[in-house]
Amino acid sequence: MREKTVFPWVHFLGLTNYALCIHFLGSLAAFPALRELELPMNDVRDFELVSTSFPHLEILDLSYNQLTNVALVKLGTLPKLKQLNLSGNDLESLPTEMSRPVASERPE
């Protein structure tokens, strides 16, 4: 059974300081048109993303969470991401995978 898209017109979603659970990002499939997602000051540590997750997302704020380097690598699957805020996550370094060049399929 295919999940119904509940909010196909929503482009911005702000969820600051809700103590969201680890797998909450996957439940946002009801918002396929999101271009900006703000999730600061939650308890996001890790999440699951598939290649079709957030196909239009350009701005993502994951500041002041509990992110790990493993979770950060998964953000590379977001095809249109332009701005990423990771402030306050107590990261000592970024994963080496984030510094590798990636072939772009979109024209510049």
Protein backbone atom coordinates (compact mmCIF):
# COMPACT_ATOMS: atom_id res chain seq x y z
CA MET A 1 0.00 0.00 0.00
CA ARG A 2 1.45 3.35 -1.03
CA GLU A 3 1.52 6.19 1.50
CA LYS A 4 -0.62 9.17 0.60
CA THR A 5 1.08 12.53 0.23
CA VAL A 6 -0.65 14.71 2.80
CA PHE A 7 0.97 18.13 2.28
CA PRO A 8 2.25 18.36 -1.30
CA TRP A 9 2.17 22.19 -1.33
CA VAL A 10 4.26 22.92 1.81
CA HIS A 11 7.69 24.42 0.99
CA PHE A 12 8.85 25.40 4.51
CA LEU A 13 8.64 23.49 7.79
CA GLY A 14 10.04 24.77 11.08
CA LEU A 15 10.23 22.41 14.04
CA THR A 16 12.50 24.02 16.62
CA ASN A 17 13.03 22.45 20.06
CA TYR A 18 10.53 19.58 19.87
CA ALA A 19 12.85 16.79 21.18
CA LEU A 20 12.10 14.80 18.03
CA CYS A 21 13.06 11.16 17.91
CA ILE A 22 15.94 9.76 15.89
CA HIS A 23 13.95 8.48 12.92
CA PHE A 24 11.65 11.48 12.62
CA LEU A 25 13.10 12.66 9.29
CA GLY A 26 11.69 9.60 7.55
CA SER A 27 8.19 10.52 8.66
CA LEU A 28 8.42 13.80 6.74
CA ALA A 29 7.65 11.99 3.47
CA ALA A 30 4.24 13.66 3.67
CA PHE A 31 6.02 16.91 2.65
CA PRO A 32 7.57 16.08 -0.76
CA ALA A 33 7.84 19.73 -1.90
CA LEU A 34 9.91 20.96 1.06
CA ARG A 35 12.60 23.44 0.08
CA GLU A 36 13.54 24.54 3.60
CA LEU A 37 13.54 22.45 6.77
CA GLU A 38 14.48 23.81 10.19
CA LEU A 39 15.11 21.25 12.93
CA PRO A 40 17.36 23.05 15.43
CA MET A 41 17.51 22.14 19.12
CA ASN A 42 16.02 18.68 18.85
CA ASP A 43 17.60 15.36 19.73
CA VAL A 44 18.38 14.24 16.20
CA ARG A 45 21.35 11.86 16.28
CA ASP A 46 20.88 9.80 13.16
CA PHE A 47 18.30 9.38 10.42
CA GLU A 48 17.49 7.29 7.39
CA LEU A 49 17.37 8.89 3.96
CA VAL A 50 16.67 7.22 0.64
CA SER A 51 17.58 8.67 -2.73
CA THR A 52 14.04 10.04 -3.13
CA SER A 53 13.97 11.77 0.27
CA PHE A 54 13.48 15.52 -0.01
CA PRO A 55 14.08 15.91 -3.76
CA HIS A 56 13.61 19.72 -3.60
CA LEU A 57 15.26 20.51 -0.26
CA GLU A 58 17.72 23.41 -0.57
CA ILE A 59 18.11 24.64 3.02
CA LEU A 60 18.51 22.36 6.03
CA ASP A 61 19.08 23.53 9.60
CA LEU A 62 20.19 20.73 11.92
CA SER A 63 21.91 23.01 14.41
CA TYR A 64 22.16 22.14 18.10
CA ASN A 65 21.33 18.46 17.77
CA GLN A 66 23.41 15.38 18.55
CA LEU A 67 24.54 14.48 15.04
CA THR A 68 27.33 12.01 14.36
CA ASN A 69 29.71 11.82 11.41
CA VAL A 70 27.81 8.77 10.14
CA ALA A 71 24.61 10.82 9.94
CA LEU A 72 26.36 13.65 8.10
CA VAL A 73 27.48 11.39 5.26
CA LYS A 74 23.83 10.51 4.59
CA LEU A 75 23.13 14.16 3.76
CA GLY A 76 25.05 13.64 0.52
CA THR A 77 21.95 11.98 -0.94
CA LEU A 78 20.06 15.29 -0.94
CA PRO A 79 20.34 16.35 -4.60
CA LYS A 80 19.48 20.07 -4.31
CA LEU A 81 20.94 20.93 -0.90
CA LYS A 82 22.65 24.34 -1.00
CA GLN A 83 22.73 25.47 2.67
CA LEU A 84 23.43 23.27 5.66
CA ASN A 85 23.65 24.53 9.25
CA LEU A 86 25.40 22.11 11.62
CA SER A 87 26.29 24.61 14.38
CA GLY A 88 26.33 23.30 17.94
CA ASN A 89 26.60 19.58 17.16
CA ASP A 90 29.93 19.09 18.99
CA LEU A 91 31.53 17.67 15.88
CA GLU A 92 35.30 17.41 16.12
CA SER A 93 35.70 17.07 12.35
CA LEU A 94 33.72 16.50 9.21
CA PRO A 95 33.74 13.07 7.56
CA THR A 96 36.28 12.76 4.75
CA GLU A 97 33.43 11.70 2.44
CA MET A 98 32.10 15.27 2.63
CA SER A 99 35.26 16.69 1.08
CA ARG A 100 35.30 14.48 -2.01
CA PRO A 101 34.15 16.02 -5.30
CA VAL A 102 30.86 14.69 -6.58
CA ALA A 103 29.85 14.70 -10.22
CA SER A 104 26.92 17.01 -10.71
CA GLU A 105 24.05 15.97 -12.95
CA ARG A 106 22.55 19.42 -13.07
CA PRO A 107 23.86 22.14 -15.35
CA GLU A 108 25.67 24.99 -13.64
